[in-house]
N, C-alpha and C. Protein backbone atom coordinates (compact mmCIF):
# COMPACT_ATOMS: atom_id res chain seq x y z
N UNK A 1 28.79 -29.93 -76.42
CA UNK A 1 29.44 -29.48 -75.35
C UNK A 1 28.42 -29.00 -74.42
N UNK A 2 28.94 -28.88 -72.98
CA UNK A 2 27.99 -28.30 -72.09
C UNK A 2 28.63 -26.88 -71.16
N UNK A 3 28.09 -26.12 -70.51
CA UNK A 3 28.63 -25.26 -69.53
C UNK A 3 28.03 -25.15 -68.33
N UNK A 4 28.41 -26.38 -67.79
CA UNK A 4 27.86 -26.54 -66.11
C UNK A 4 29.28 -26.94 -65.68
N UNK A 5 29.24 -26.58 -64.34
CA UNK A 5 29.93 -26.96 -63.43
C UNK A 5 29.74 -27.47 -62.02
N UNK A 6 30.45 -27.41 -61.14
CA UNK A 6 29.91 -28.08 -59.58
C UNK A 6 29.27 -26.68 -58.87
N UNK A 7 29.29 -25.52 -59.70
CA UNK A 7 28.75 -24.35 -59.08
C UNK A 7 27.70 -24.01 -60.10
N UNK A 8 27.14 -24.72 -60.46
CA UNK A 8 25.85 -24.56 -61.43
C UNK A 8 26.33 -24.59 -62.64
N UNK A 9 25.20 -23.60 -63.58
CA UNK A 9 25.33 -23.65 -64.91
C UNK A 9 26.26 -22.43 -65.33
N UNK A 10 26.89 -21.60 -64.65
CA UNK A 10 27.67 -20.50 -64.76
C UNK A 10 29.01 -20.82 -64.64
N UNK A 11 29.73 -20.70 -65.70
CA UNK A 11 31.20 -20.79 -65.90
C UNK A 11 31.94 -19.16 -65.43
N UNK A 12 31.36 -18.31 -64.91
CA UNK A 12 32.03 -17.30 -64.42
C UNK A 12 32.94 -17.53 -63.56
N UNK A 13 33.08 -18.69 -62.64
CA UNK A 13 33.99 -19.09 -61.79
C UNK A 13 35.08 -19.17 -62.40
N UNK A 14 35.15 -19.54 -63.90
CA UNK A 14 36.35 -20.14 -64.49
C UNK A 14 37.10 -18.63 -65.01
N UNK A 15 36.41 -17.71 -65.38
CA UNK A 15 36.87 -16.66 -66.25
C UNK A 15 38.12 -15.62 -65.56
N UNK A 16 38.40 -16.13 -64.11
CA UNK A 16 39.35 -15.56 -63.55
C UNK A 16 40.65 -16.00 -64.10
N UNK A 17 40.52 -17.42 -64.58
CA UNK A 17 41.75 -18.37 -65.17
C UNK A 17 41.68 -18.40 -66.69
N UNK A 18 40.78 -18.43 -67.24
CA UNK A 18 40.48 -18.42 -68.72
C UNK A 18 39.42 -17.35 -68.94
N UNK A 19 40.12 -16.09 -69.26
CA UNK A 19 39.09 -15.04 -69.44
C UNK A 19 38.16 -15.35 -70.74
N UNK A 20 38.54 -15.95 -71.80
CA UNK A 20 37.65 -15.84 -73.08
C UNK A 20 36.88 -17.26 -73.12
N UNK A 21 37.00 -18.06 -71.89
CA UNK A 21 36.05 -19.22 -71.92
C UNK A 21 34.51 -18.99 -72.16
N UNK A 22 34.05 -19.71 -73.15
CA UNK A 22 32.86 -19.75 -73.41
C UNK A 22 31.83 -20.93 -73.38
N UNK A 23 32.87 -22.24 -73.42
CA UNK A 23 32.10 -23.38 -73.25
C UNK A 23 33.09 -24.37 -72.72
N UNK A 24 32.50 -25.48 -72.26
CA UNK A 24 33.82 -26.79 -71.91
C UNK A 24 32.84 -27.95 -72.08
N UNK A 25 33.95 -28.99 -72.23
CA UNK A 25 33.48 -30.17 -72.79
C UNK A 25 33.84 -31.13 -71.24
N UNK A 26 33.10 -32.23 -71.05
CA UNK A 26 33.54 -32.92 -70.14
C UNK A 26 34.09 -34.41 -70.65
N UNK A 27 35.02 -34.58 -70.01
CA UNK A 27 35.72 -35.88 -70.20
C UNK A 27 35.87 -36.78 -69.23
N UNK A 28 35.37 -37.96 -69.07
CA UNK A 28 35.21 -39.06 -68.17
C UNK A 28 36.51 -39.44 -67.88
N UNK A 29 37.01 -39.44 -66.46
CA UNK A 29 38.28 -39.99 -65.95
C UNK A 29 37.87 -41.11 -64.77
N UNK A 30 39.08 -41.53 -64.37
CA UNK A 30 38.68 -42.35 -63.15
C UNK A 30 39.15 -41.72 -61.97
N UNK A 31 38.45 -42.03 -60.98
CA UNK A 31 38.92 -41.36 -59.49
C UNK A 31 39.31 -42.37 -58.76
N UNK A 32 40.63 -42.51 -58.90
CA UNK A 32 41.32 -43.56 -57.93
C UNK A 32 41.87 -42.96 -56.27
N UNK A 33 41.22 -42.03 -56.02
CA UNK A 33 41.82 -41.54 -54.71
C UNK A 33 40.70 -41.38 -53.36
N UNK A 34 39.64 -40.92 -53.85
CA UNK A 34 38.64 -40.91 -52.69
C UNK A 34 37.89 -42.39 -52.61
N UNK A 35 37.46 -42.53 -51.40
CA UNK A 35 36.85 -44.00 -51.26
C UNK A 35 35.53 -43.92 -51.93
N UNK A 36 34.91 -42.80 -51.96
CA UNK A 36 33.51 -42.64 -52.84
C UNK A 36 33.86 -41.89 -53.90
N UNK A 37 34.15 -42.65 -54.97
CA UNK A 37 34.65 -41.58 -56.30
C UNK A 37 33.72 -41.14 -57.22
N UNK A 38 33.85 -39.75 -56.82
CA UNK A 38 32.65 -38.94 -57.42
C UNK A 38 33.31 -37.96 -58.48
N UNK A 39 34.74 -37.72 -58.14
CA UNK A 39 35.39 -36.72 -59.03
C UNK A 39 35.86 -37.31 -60.33
N UNK A 40 34.97 -37.57 -60.81
CA UNK A 40 35.37 -38.53 -62.33
C UNK A 40 35.07 -37.58 -63.75
N UNK A 41 35.36 -36.32 -63.49
CA UNK A 41 35.82 -35.60 -64.80
C UNK A 41 36.49 -34.54 -65.00
N UNK A 42 36.93 -34.42 -65.96
CA UNK A 42 37.97 -33.32 -66.24
C UNK A 42 37.07 -32.25 -67.50
N UNK A 43 37.40 -31.29 -67.31
CA UNK A 43 36.71 -30.32 -68.32
C UNK A 43 37.72 -29.62 -69.20
N UNK A 44 37.52 -29.58 -70.52
CA UNK A 44 38.11 -29.06 -71.50
C UNK A 44 37.54 -27.67 -71.77
N UNK A 45 38.34 -26.60 -71.35
CA UNK A 45 37.93 -25.13 -71.72
C UNK A 45 38.11 -24.72 -72.91
N UNK A 46 37.17 -24.36 -73.65
CA UNK A 46 37.31 -23.45 -74.92
C UNK A 46 36.78 -22.17 -74.90
N UNK A 47 37.23 -21.19 -76.18
CA UNK A 47 36.77 -20.01 -76.29
C UNK A 47 35.54 -19.91 -77.05
N UNK A 48 35.06 -19.12 -77.73
CA UNK A 48 33.77 -19.12 -78.80
C UNK A 48 34.36 -19.66 -79.85
N UNK A 49 35.44 -19.34 -80.30
CA UNK A 49 36.01 -20.00 -81.53
C UNK A 49 36.48 -21.33 -81.67
N UNK A 50 36.13 -21.93 -80.34
CA UNK A 50 36.40 -23.45 -80.26
C UNK A 50 37.92 -23.80 -80.00
N UNK A 51 38.57 -23.03 -79.74
CA UNK A 51 40.05 -23.04 -79.54
C UNK A 51 40.19 -23.50 -78.20
N UNK A 52 41.26 -24.38 -77.86
CA UNK A 52 41.21 -24.97 -76.47
C UNK A 52 42.23 -24.12 -75.76
N UNK A 53 41.51 -23.68 -74.32
CA UNK A 53 42.29 -22.87 -73.64
C UNK A 53 43.18 -23.63 -72.59
N UNK A 54 42.53 -24.78 -72.01
CA UNK A 54 43.07 -25.51 -70.98
C UNK A 54 42.21 -26.47 -70.35
N UNK A 55 42.48 -26.91 -69.17
CA UNK A 55 41.88 -27.96 -68.53
C UNK A 55 41.28 -27.58 -67.10
N UNK A 56 40.11 -28.15 -66.75
CA UNK A 56 39.43 -27.97 -65.31
C UNK A 56 39.43 -29.12 -64.63
N UNK A 57 39.80 -29.26 -63.55
CA UNK A 57 39.42 -30.44 -62.57
C UNK A 57 38.44 -29.91 -61.44
N UNK A 58 37.37 -30.17 -61.08
CA UNK A 58 36.58 -29.97 -60.06
C UNK A 58 36.70 -31.21 -58.95
N UNK A 59 37.16 -30.74 -57.72
CA UNK A 59 37.31 -31.98 -56.73
C UNK A 59 36.43 -31.59 -55.52
N UNK A 60 35.57 -32.79 -55.05
CA UNK A 60 34.80 -32.41 -53.71
C UNK A 60 35.37 -33.77 -53.16
N UNK A 61 36.14 -33.68 -52.14
CA UNK A 61 36.59 -34.88 -51.48
C UNK A 61 36.87 -34.69 -49.60
N UNK A 62 37.33 -35.74 -49.22
CA UNK A 62 37.78 -35.40 -47.85
C UNK A 62 39.32 -35.63 -47.78
N UNK A 63 39.86 -35.08 -46.73
CA UNK A 63 41.12 -35.38 -46.23
C UNK A 63 41.64 -36.64 -46.41
N UNK A 64 40.56 -37.53 -46.27
CA UNK A 64 41.09 -39.12 -46.33
C UNK A 64 41.67 -39.59 -44.82
N UNK A 65 41.40 -38.38 -43.79
CA UNK A 65 41.97 -38.77 -42.21
C UNK A 65 40.66 -39.68 -41.45
N UNK A 66 39.58 -39.67 -42.13
CA UNK A 66 38.49 -40.42 -41.61
C UNK A 66 38.12 -39.71 -39.94
N UNK A 67 38.22 -38.28 -40.00
CA UNK A 67 37.69 -37.75 -38.66
C UNK A 67 37.22 -36.86 -38.88
N UNK A 68 36.81 -35.48 -38.06
CA UNK A 68 35.97 -34.75 -38.23
C UNK A 68 36.29 -33.55 -39.35
N UNK A 69 37.22 -33.73 -40.39
CA UNK A 69 37.74 -32.64 -40.94
C UNK A 69 36.31 -32.21 -41.80
N UNK A 70 36.64 -31.13 -42.36
CA UNK A 70 35.44 -30.45 -43.43
C UNK A 70 35.85 -30.83 -44.64
N UNK A 71 34.77 -31.03 -45.72
CA UNK A 71 35.13 -31.49 -47.06
C UNK A 71 36.36 -30.53 -47.55
N UNK A 72 36.72 -30.95 -48.49
CA UNK A 72 38.02 -30.19 -49.41
C UNK A 72 37.34 -30.24 -50.75
N UNK A 73 36.78 -28.78 -50.96
CA UNK A 73 36.27 -28.64 -52.20
C UNK A 73 37.25 -27.47 -53.13
N UNK A 74 37.67 -27.78 -54.23
CA UNK A 74 38.43 -27.06 -55.04
C UNK A 74 38.45 -27.49 -56.34
N UNK A 75 39.08 -26.11 -57.22
CA UNK A 75 38.97 -26.47 -58.65
C UNK A 75 40.48 -26.14 -59.01
N UNK A 76 41.03 -27.23 -59.78
CA UNK A 76 42.39 -27.20 -60.24
C UNK A 76 42.20 -26.68 -61.74
N UNK A 77 43.18 -25.80 -62.16
CA UNK A 77 43.25 -25.37 -63.52
C UNK A 77 44.69 -25.55 -64.22
N UNK A 78 44.70 -26.13 -65.34
CA UNK A 78 46.02 -26.27 -66.06
C UNK A 78 45.80 -25.76 -67.68
N UNK A 79 47.30 -25.54 -68.15
CA UNK A 79 47.09 -24.94 -69.30
C UNK A 79 46.99 -26.55 -70.40
N UNK A 80 47.35 -25.78 -71.57
CA UNK A 80 47.20 -26.69 -72.70
C UNK A 80 48.55 -27.95 -72.60
N UNK A 81 49.28 -27.53 -72.09
CA UNK A 81 50.71 -28.60 -71.86
C UNK A 81 50.32 -29.54 -70.98
N UNK A 82 49.26 -29.15 -70.10
CA UNK A 82 49.22 -30.03 -68.92
C UNK A 82 49.75 -29.53 -67.57
N UNK A 83 50.10 -28.25 -67.78
CA UNK A 83 50.76 -28.04 -66.46
C UNK A 83 49.92 -26.99 -65.44
N UNK A 84 50.03 -27.31 -64.17
CA UNK A 84 49.31 -26.62 -63.23
C UNK A 84 49.51 -25.38 -63.27
N UNK A 85 48.20 -24.50 -63.26
CA UNK A 85 47.93 -22.81 -63.33
C UNK A 85 47.67 -22.24 -61.71
N UNK A 86 46.56 -23.12 -61.45
CA UNK A 86 46.11 -22.58 -60.47
C UNK A 86 45.22 -23.36 -59.29
N UNK A 87 44.94 -23.35 -58.20
CA UNK A 87 43.89 -23.64 -57.53
C UNK A 87 43.16 -22.61 -56.91
N UNK A 88 41.62 -22.76 -57.20
CA UNK A 88 40.70 -22.10 -56.89
C UNK A 88 39.83 -22.83 -55.70
N UNK A 89 39.16 -22.00 -54.77
CA UNK A 89 38.13 -22.67 -53.96
C UNK A 89 36.84 -21.91 -53.71
N UNK A 90 35.89 -22.00 -54.32
CA UNK A 90 34.89 -20.83 -53.99
C UNK A 90 34.26 -21.02 -52.46
N UNK A 91 34.47 -22.34 -52.17
CA UNK A 91 34.03 -22.86 -50.83
C UNK A 91 34.91 -22.31 -49.67
N UNK A 92 36.21 -21.94 -50.05
CA UNK A 92 37.37 -21.92 -48.91
C UNK A 92 37.96 -23.10 -48.70
N UNK A 93 39.22 -22.95 -48.50
CA UNK A 93 39.83 -24.09 -47.91
C UNK A 93 39.95 -23.98 -46.47
N UNK A 94 39.90 -25.03 -45.40
CA UNK A 94 40.45 -24.87 -44.10
C UNK A 94 41.71 -25.62 -43.73
N UNK A 95 41.66 -25.21 -42.46
CA UNK A 95 43.06 -26.21 -41.87
C UNK A 95 42.58 -26.62 -40.53
N UNK A 96 43.51 -26.95 -39.68
CA UNK A 96 43.15 -27.23 -38.47
C UNK A 96 42.12 -26.34 -37.59
N UNK A 97 41.56 -27.14 -36.88
CA UNK A 97 40.43 -26.27 -36.17
C UNK A 97 39.40 -25.51 -37.14
N UNK A 98 39.24 -26.24 -38.44
CA UNK A 98 38.34 -25.49 -39.32
C UNK A 98 38.77 -23.91 -39.56
N UNK A 99 39.74 -23.59 -39.21
CA UNK A 99 40.06 -22.20 -39.66
C UNK A 99 40.44 -22.00 -41.07
N UNK A 100 39.91 -20.76 -41.56
CA UNK A 100 40.20 -20.76 -43.17
C UNK A 100 41.45 -20.77 -43.52
N UNK A 101 41.96 -21.28 -44.49
CA UNK A 101 43.30 -20.73 -45.15
C UNK A 101 43.49 -19.22 -45.23
N UNK A 102 44.61 -18.64 -45.00
CA UNK A 102 44.84 -17.43 -45.64
C UNK A 102 45.24 -17.26 -46.98
N UNK A 103 45.61 -15.99 -47.65
CA UNK A 103 46.16 -15.88 -48.82
C UNK A 103 47.27 -16.57 -48.80
N UNK A 104 48.10 -16.33 -47.55
CA UNK A 104 49.37 -16.84 -47.67
C UNK A 104 49.54 -18.29 -47.57
N UNK A 105 48.53 -18.76 -46.80
CA UNK A 105 48.48 -20.21 -47.00
C UNK A 105 48.24 -20.85 -48.33
N UNK A 106 47.39 -20.05 -49.04
CA UNK A 106 47.04 -20.47 -50.46
C UNK A 106 48.17 -20.22 -51.36
N UNK A 107 48.84 -19.22 -51.12
CA UNK A 107 50.02 -19.28 -51.82
C UNK A 107 51.21 -20.03 -51.84
N UNK A 108 51.37 -20.47 -50.57
CA UNK A 108 52.28 -21.63 -50.01
C UNK A 108 51.74 -23.03 -50.78
N UNK A 109 50.39 -23.14 -50.54
CA UNK A 109 49.80 -24.53 -51.48
C UNK A 109 50.38 -24.55 -52.92
N UNK A 110 49.98 -23.41 -53.67
CA UNK A 110 50.24 -23.23 -55.05
C UNK A 110 51.98 -23.64 -55.23
N UNK A 111 52.93 -23.09 -54.24
CA UNK A 111 54.06 -23.05 -54.30
C UNK A 111 54.44 -24.71 -54.03
N UNK A 112 53.87 -25.41 -53.24
CA UNK A 112 54.12 -26.76 -52.76
C UNK A 112 53.58 -27.55 -54.15
N UNK A 113 52.29 -27.22 -54.57
CA UNK A 113 51.72 -28.25 -55.64
C UNK A 113 52.93 -28.20 -56.98
N UNK A 114 53.27 -27.09 -56.75
CA UNK A 114 54.53 -26.99 -58.45
C UNK A 114 55.78 -27.83 -58.00
N UNK A 115 56.10 -28.08 -56.56
CA UNK A 115 57.12 -28.76 -56.13
C UNK A 115 56.83 -30.02 -56.23
N UNK A 116 55.74 -30.59 -55.90
CA UNK A 116 55.32 -32.01 -55.52
C UNK A 116 56.18 -32.70 -54.32
N UNK A 117 56.12 -32.32 -53.02
CA UNK A 117 57.01 -32.59 -52.23
C UNK A 117 57.31 -34.31 -52.52
N UNK A 118 58.51 -34.80 -52.35
CA UNK A 118 58.94 -36.03 -52.82
C UNK A 118 58.60 -36.68 -51.67
N UNK A 119 58.54 -36.26 -50.31
CA UNK A 119 58.46 -36.98 -49.04
C UNK A 119 56.95 -37.58 -48.94
N UNK A 120 55.75 -37.32 -49.57
CA UNK A 120 54.74 -37.68 -49.96
C UNK A 120 54.71 -38.97 -50.40
N UNK A 121 55.44 -39.30 -51.12
CA UNK A 121 55.41 -40.68 -51.60
C UNK A 121 55.77 -41.66 -50.44
N UNK A 122 56.38 -41.25 -49.25
CA UNK A 122 56.35 -42.03 -48.24
C UNK A 122 55.02 -42.45 -47.13
N UNK A 123 54.12 -41.16 -47.39
CA UNK A 123 52.89 -41.42 -46.52
C UNK A 123 51.70 -42.75 -47.33
N UNK A 124 51.61 -43.42 -46.36
CA UNK A 124 50.70 -44.61 -46.43
C UNK A 124 49.18 -44.03 -46.01
N UNK A 125 49.25 -43.36 -45.00
CA UNK A 125 47.52 -42.92 -44.92
C UNK A 125 48.14 -41.20 -44.33
N UNK A 126 47.03 -40.28 -44.25
CA UNK A 126 47.49 -38.93 -44.10
C UNK A 126 47.83 -39.03 -42.63
N UNK A 127 47.09 -39.82 -41.69
CA UNK A 127 47.32 -39.67 -40.37
C UNK A 127 48.94 -39.85 -39.69
N UNK A 128 49.64 -40.62 -40.92
CA UNK A 128 51.22 -40.63 -40.70
C UNK A 128 51.82 -39.45 -40.54
N UNK A 129 51.39 -38.57 -40.91
CA UNK A 129 52.22 -37.12 -41.08
C UNK A 129 51.94 -36.30 -39.60
N UNK A 130 50.94 -36.79 -39.15
CA UNK A 130 50.54 -35.85 -37.82
C UNK A 130 51.28 -36.77 -36.48
N UNK A 131 51.45 -36.10 -35.39
CA UNK A 131 51.47 -36.59 -33.94
C UNK A 131 50.04 -37.11 -33.25
N UNK A 132 50.01 -38.40 -33.07
CA UNK A 132 48.41 -38.82 -32.55
C UNK A 132 47.90 -38.23 -31.33
N UNK A 133 49.06 -37.66 -30.24
CA UNK A 133 48.63 -37.40 -29.36
C UNK A 133 48.00 -35.62 -29.76
N UNK A 134 48.91 -35.13 -30.10
CA UNK A 134 49.13 -33.57 -30.17
C UNK A 134 48.40 -33.12 -31.60
N UNK A 135 48.45 -34.04 -32.56
CA UNK A 135 47.80 -33.31 -33.75
C UNK A 135 48.75 -32.49 -34.53
N UNK A 136 49.92 -32.32 -34.04
CA UNK A 136 50.83 -31.27 -34.80
C UNK A 136 51.62 -32.23 -35.74
N UNK A 137 51.97 -31.55 -36.91
CA UNK A 137 52.61 -32.06 -38.19
C UNK A 137 53.99 -32.74 -37.60
N UNK A 138 54.17 -33.82 -38.14
CA UNK A 138 55.56 -34.56 -37.65
C UNK A 138 56.61 -33.56 -38.46
N UNK A 139 58.11 -33.50 -37.78
CA UNK A 139 58.76 -32.51 -38.27
C UNK A 139 59.32 -32.96 -39.72
N UNK A 140 59.27 -34.14 -40.11
CA UNK A 140 59.98 -34.22 -41.43
C UNK A 140 58.95 -33.93 -42.64
N UNK A 141 57.74 -33.59 -42.30
CA UNK A 141 56.64 -33.26 -43.29
C UNK A 141 56.49 -31.74 -43.10
N UNK A 142 56.81 -30.84 -42.19
CA UNK A 142 56.38 -29.38 -41.96
C UNK A 142 56.88 -28.70 -43.28
N UNK A 143 58.11 -28.88 -43.97
CA UNK A 143 58.18 -28.08 -45.08
C UNK A 143 57.70 -28.42 -46.41
N UNK A 144 56.95 -29.59 -46.05
CA UNK A 144 56.08 -30.08 -47.14
C UNK A 144 54.63 -29.70 -47.36
N UNK A 145 54.11 -28.99 -46.15
CA UNK A 145 52.58 -28.84 -46.09
C UNK A 145 52.42 -27.38 -45.67
N UNK A 146 51.36 -26.69 -45.73
CA UNK A 146 50.64 -25.67 -45.57
C UNK A 146 50.44 -25.82 -43.83
N UNK A 147 50.95 -24.90 -42.97
CA UNK A 147 50.90 -25.20 -41.68
C UNK A 147 49.60 -25.19 -41.18
N UNK A 148 49.47 -26.27 -40.26
CA UNK A 148 48.05 -26.74 -39.69
C UNK A 148 47.04 -27.27 -40.70
N UNK A 149 47.68 -27.80 -42.15
CA UNK A 149 46.64 -28.05 -43.09
C UNK A 149 47.58 -29.28 -43.95
N UNK A 150 48.24 -30.06 -42.95
CA UNK A 150 48.88 -31.30 -43.68
C UNK A 150 47.99 -32.26 -44.53
N UNK A 151 46.72 -32.47 -43.69
CA UNK A 151 45.87 -33.57 -44.65
C UNK A 151 45.31 -32.83 -45.99
N UNK A 152 45.15 -31.81 -45.90
CA UNK A 152 44.44 -30.97 -46.99
C UNK A 152 45.55 -30.59 -48.19
N UNK A 153 46.73 -30.69 -47.69
CA UNK A 153 47.78 -30.24 -48.63
C UNK A 153 47.92 -31.43 -49.14
N UNK A 154 48.19 -32.65 -48.62
CA UNK A 154 48.40 -34.00 -49.18
C UNK A 154 47.36 -34.58 -50.27
N UNK A 155 46.15 -34.25 -49.96
CA UNK A 155 44.97 -34.74 -50.59
C UNK A 155 44.96 -33.74 -51.83
N UNK A 156 45.15 -32.64 -51.73
CA UNK A 156 45.33 -31.76 -52.85
C UNK A 156 46.21 -31.97 -53.76
N UNK A 157 47.72 -32.16 -53.18
CA UNK A 157 49.14 -32.48 -54.15
C UNK A 157 48.41 -33.84 -54.71
N UNK A 158 47.64 -34.84 -54.06
CA UNK A 158 47.46 -35.96 -54.74
C UNK A 158 46.69 -35.83 -55.97
N UNK A 159 45.54 -35.13 -55.82
CA UNK A 159 44.54 -34.83 -57.04
C UNK A 159 45.43 -34.10 -57.96
N UNK A 160 46.22 -33.36 -57.58
CA UNK A 160 46.70 -32.46 -58.66
C UNK A 160 47.68 -33.23 -59.42
N UNK A 161 48.78 -34.42 -58.77
CA UNK A 161 49.63 -35.16 -59.68
C UNK A 161 48.55 -36.10 -60.26
N UNK A 162 47.43 -36.78 -59.77
CA UNK A 162 46.86 -37.51 -60.58
C UNK A 162 46.00 -37.02 -61.92
N UNK A 163 45.47 -35.76 -61.65
CA UNK A 163 45.12 -34.86 -62.79
C UNK A 163 46.03 -34.73 -63.92
N UNK A 164 47.43 -34.37 -63.75
CA UNK A 164 48.62 -34.45 -64.83
C UNK A 164 48.57 -35.72 -65.25
N UNK A 165 48.74 -36.64 -64.52
CA UNK A 165 48.96 -37.94 -64.89
C UNK A 165 48.00 -38.47 -66.02
N UNK A 166 46.71 -38.09 -65.64
CA UNK A 166 45.26 -38.49 -66.45
C UNK A 166 45.35 -37.71 -67.70
N UNK A 167 45.79 -36.59 -67.66
CA UNK A 167 45.89 -35.80 -68.84
C UNK A 167 46.89 -35.94 -69.71
N UNK A 168 47.95 -36.13 -69.42
CA UNK A 168 49.00 -36.83 -70.30
C UNK A 168 48.64 -38.31 -71.01
N UNK A 169 47.92 -39.13 -69.97
CA UNK A 169 47.41 -40.47 -70.70
C UNK A 169 46.43 -39.75 -71.84
N UNK A 170 45.58 -39.12 -71.64
CA UNK A 170 44.58 -38.66 -72.64
C UNK A 170 44.92 -38.09 -73.74
N UNK A 171 46.07 -37.30 -73.62
CA UNK A 171 46.47 -36.81 -74.86
C UNK A 171 45.67 -35.81 -75.56
N UNK A 172 44.92 -35.23 -74.61
CA UNK A 172 43.67 -34.07 -75.41
C UNK A 172 44.09 -33.08 -76.15
């Protein structure tokens, strides 16, 4: 087992979700979402007695919009029943014009991840969600996204759903 993360060799970042974490084991998974698949591990979190605490997936991706958007870097946490617990981002998440997401934005994002908005199944490309001229979120998507962060909301939700699916298949 290893205790490394994208944040270096320090697992203290995970302790706010799993206070008793002492080590992680990396499990190889497929990244079917990013054009350049680099998000290919899910980590199993353990306490010092070797009891499984839950799962962690670190993601470093794009919004998928192929524009000047900043990278989307976040960590997803799940309990041992493969249920989403929380999203954290040490780098911080951004929205339109590279403004940082607020605490309210993150709370809304958590709510949306729990809902998995069905309308996302209709999106073939992230830019389908916004008006080509103004960049505004199209009315049918407004309730399914964080305001001014449609692309990020979609990408994060996609990784969340993919992680849950992969965890269930692995039956760890």
